[in-house]
């Protein structure tokens, strides 16, 4: 009888432990729309920060696989970039999708509305977080140079009375 009681307790412990681990472990294969990342496209276009725009579809397996990396990037760069997610199946984004000529998913752009700049990130880099970070950091360095140059030109014009 003690043996059956002991086996029963072990089974209950295993079931409870499994349920606890399942309930609190990170979920995999979430649809991109189930991630809470970033701000809206309209808000990002009005902001002073550049932003990373991810064009995705919930049914796209590559998008689903990429989302943990995108989430990680948004955590790393939250002070330097805004992050935007654009669902290509949402008809309200039709004009934006056409404007960027989106034909494959996921697609990432670095967009800087303050200097009217957009850069398409090569999708061959999506699998390598270090390479994506190199591209994001490169843009920040170039943006700083552009901003610095604009300030110098503006100061020069003021000095010359233009």
Protein backbone atom coordinates (compact mmCIF):
# COMPACT_ATOMS: atom_id res chain seq x y z
CA UNK A 1 0.00 0.00 0.00
CA UNK A 2 2.85 2.36 0.83
CA UNK A 3 4.34 1.67 -2.59
CA UNK A 4 1.15 2.72 -4.38
CA UNK A 5 0.86 5.82 -2.22
CA UNK A 6 4.48 6.75 -2.97
CA UNK A 7 4.03 6.19 -6.73
CA UNK A 8 0.81 8.25 -6.65
CA UNK A 9 2.59 11.13 -4.90
CA UNK A 10 5.42 11.02 -7.43
CA UNK A 11 2.95 11.09 -10.34
CA UNK A 12 1.08 14.05 -8.80
CA UNK A 13 4.38 15.89 -8.21
CA UNK A 14 5.49 15.33 -11.81
CA UNK A 15 2.13 16.48 -13.21
CA UNK A 16 2.09 19.62 -11.02
CA UNK A 17 5.70 20.44 -11.86
CA UNK A 18 5.03 20.02 -15.58
CA UNK A 19 1.94 22.23 -15.39
CA UNK A 20 3.89 24.92 -13.51
CA UNK A 21 6.79 24.86 -15.97
CA UNK A 22 4.44 24.97 -18.95
CA UNK A 23 2.46 27.89 -17.50
CA UNK A 24 5.46 30.07 -16.74
CA UNK A 25 7.98 29.14 -19.41
CA UNK A 26 8.46 31.47 -22.38
CA UNK A 27 6.05 30.70 -25.17
CA UNK A 28 7.48 29.72 -28.52
CA UNK A 29 6.00 30.18 -31.96
CA UNK A 30 3.85 33.14 -31.02
CA UNK A 31 2.35 34.97 -33.96
CA UNK A 32 4.09 38.30 -34.53
CA UNK A 33 0.90 40.19 -33.64
CA UNK A 34 1.00 38.53 -30.20
CA UNK A 35 4.19 40.44 -29.35
CA UNK A 36 3.76 43.84 -27.75
CA UNK A 37 6.62 45.73 -29.38
CA UNK A 38 6.89 49.38 -30.22
CA UNK A 39 4.65 52.18 -31.36
CA UNK A 40 2.42 52.82 -34.36
CA UNK A 41 3.81 53.81 -37.74
CA UNK A 42 1.99 57.17 -37.60
CA UNK A 43 3.53 57.97 -34.19
CA UNK A 44 7.00 56.94 -35.35
CA UNK A 45 6.76 59.22 -38.40
CA UNK A 46 6.15 62.20 -36.08
CA UNK A 47 8.95 61.34 -33.65
CA UNK A 48 12.50 62.70 -33.69
CA UNK A 49 14.11 59.27 -33.36
CA UNK A 50 14.76 56.94 -36.27
CA UNK A 51 12.76 53.74 -36.17
CA UNK A 52 13.04 50.11 -37.14
CA UNK A 53 10.00 49.01 -39.14
CA UNK A 54 9.20 45.32 -39.37
CA UNK A 55 6.76 44.32 -42.11
CA UNK A 56 5.32 40.93 -41.21
CA UNK A 57 2.44 38.49 -41.68
CA UNK A 58 1.09 36.29 -38.90
CA UNK A 59 0.99 33.26 -41.19
CA UNK A 60 4.65 33.66 -42.23
CA UNK A 61 6.86 31.02 -40.59
CA UNK A 62 10.00 33.15 -41.11
CA UNK A 63 8.28 36.04 -39.31
CA UNK A 64 7.36 33.76 -36.41
CA UNK A 65 10.96 32.52 -36.14
CA UNK A 66 12.35 36.07 -36.34
CA UNK A 67 10.17 37.60 -33.62
CA UNK A 68 12.33 36.63 -30.60
CA UNK A 69 15.29 38.39 -32.27
CA UNK A 70 13.18 41.46 -33.04
CA UNK A 71 12.04 41.54 -29.42
CA UNK A 72 15.65 41.29 -28.26
CA UNK A 73 16.69 44.11 -30.62
CA UNK A 74 13.85 46.30 -29.35
CA UNK A 75 15.07 45.78 -25.79
CA UNK A 76 18.69 46.57 -26.71
CA UNK A 77 17.96 49.66 -28.84
CA UNK A 78 14.87 51.10 -27.12
CA UNK A 79 16.73 54.34 -26.25
CA UNK A 80 18.11 54.87 -29.76
CA UNK A 81 15.34 53.67 -32.06
CA UNK A 82 11.58 53.41 -31.96
CA UNK A 83 10.25 50.04 -33.07
CA UNK A 84 7.24 49.57 -35.33
CA UNK A 85 5.44 46.44 -36.47
CA UNK A 86 3.36 46.60 -39.65
CA UNK A 87 1.04 43.69 -40.39
CA UNK A 88 0.89 43.41 -44.19
CA UNK A 89 -2.54 41.76 -43.93
CA UNK A 90 -3.99 44.86 -42.26
CA UNK A 91 -5.68 46.83 -45.03
CA UNK A 92 -5.13 50.14 -43.21
CA UNK A 93 -1.43 49.81 -44.06
CA UNK A 94 -2.01 49.33 -47.80
CA UNK A 95 -0.52 52.70 -48.81
CA UNK A 96 2.54 52.20 -46.57
CA UNK A 97 3.14 48.69 -47.92
CA UNK A 98 2.94 49.99 -51.51
CA UNK A 99 5.16 52.95 -50.70
CA UNK A 100 7.91 50.61 -49.45
CA UNK A 101 7.38 48.01 -52.23
CA UNK A 102 7.01 45.17 -49.73
CA UNK A 103 6.93 41.79 -51.44
CA UNK A 104 8.49 39.38 -48.94
CA UNK A 105 8.27 38.83 -45.22
CA UNK A 106 9.72 39.66 -42.87
CA UNK A 107 11.15 42.91 -44.23
CA UNK A 108 13.04 45.42 -42.10
CA UNK A 109 13.69 49.07 -42.83
CA UNK A 110 15.55 51.67 -40.81
CA UNK A 111 13.48 54.81 -41.30
CA UNK A 112 14.48 58.30 -40.22
CA UNK A 113 11.68 60.79 -40.89
CA UNK A 114 13.73 63.78 -39.66
CA UNK A 115 16.11 63.48 -42.61
CA UNK A 116 13.75 61.66 -45.00
CA UNK A 117 15.87 58.52 -45.11
CA UNK A 118 15.01 54.83 -45.33
CA UNK A 119 17.35 51.88 -45.53
CA UNK A 120 16.31 48.35 -46.46
CA UNK A 121 18.13 45.76 -44.34
CA UNK A 122 19.28 42.73 -46.32
CA UNK A 123 17.24 39.71 -45.20
CA UNK A 124 20.38 37.55 -45.28
CA UNK A 125 21.30 39.29 -42.00
CA UNK A 126 18.10 38.41 -40.13
CA UNK A 127 19.48 35.15 -38.79
CA UNK A 128 22.53 36.77 -37.19
CA UNK A 129 21.86 39.14 -34.31
CA UNK A 130 25.45 40.46 -34.33
CA UNK A 131 25.22 41.43 -38.02
CA UNK A 132 21.89 43.16 -37.48
CA UNK A 133 23.36 45.09 -34.57
CA UNK A 134 26.30 46.11 -36.77
CA UNK A 135 23.87 47.59 -39.30
CA UNK A 136 21.83 49.37 -36.62
CA UNK A 137 24.99 50.81 -35.03
CA UNK A 138 26.36 51.84 -38.44
CA UNK A 139 23.23 53.84 -39.16
CA UNK A 140 23.45 55.60 -35.79
CA UNK A 141 27.05 56.64 -36.55
CA UNK A 142 26.07 57.94 -40.00
CA UNK A 143 23.06 59.77 -38.57
CA UNK A 144 25.26 61.48 -35.99
CA UNK A 145 27.60 62.66 -38.78
CA UNK A 146 24.67 63.95 -40.86
CA UNK A 147 23.18 65.78 -37.88
CA UNK A 148 26.58 67.25 -37.02
CA UNK A 149 27.10 68.41 -40.60
CA UNK A 150 23.63 69.99 -40.68
CA UNK A 151 24.45 71.91 -37.48
CA UNK A 152 27.72 73.16 -38.96
CA UNK A 153 25.99 74.33 -42.17
CA UNK A 154 23.26 76.02 -40.13
CA UNK A 155 25.84 77.78 -37.93
CA UNK A 156 27.77 78.85 -41.03
CA UNK A 157 24.64 80.36 -42.57
CA UNK A 158 23.90 82.26 -39.36
CA UNK A 159 27.48 83.53 -39.23
CA UNK A 160 27.27 84.71 -42.84
CA UNK A 161 23.87 86.33 -42.24
CA UNK A 162 22.00 84.04 -44.64
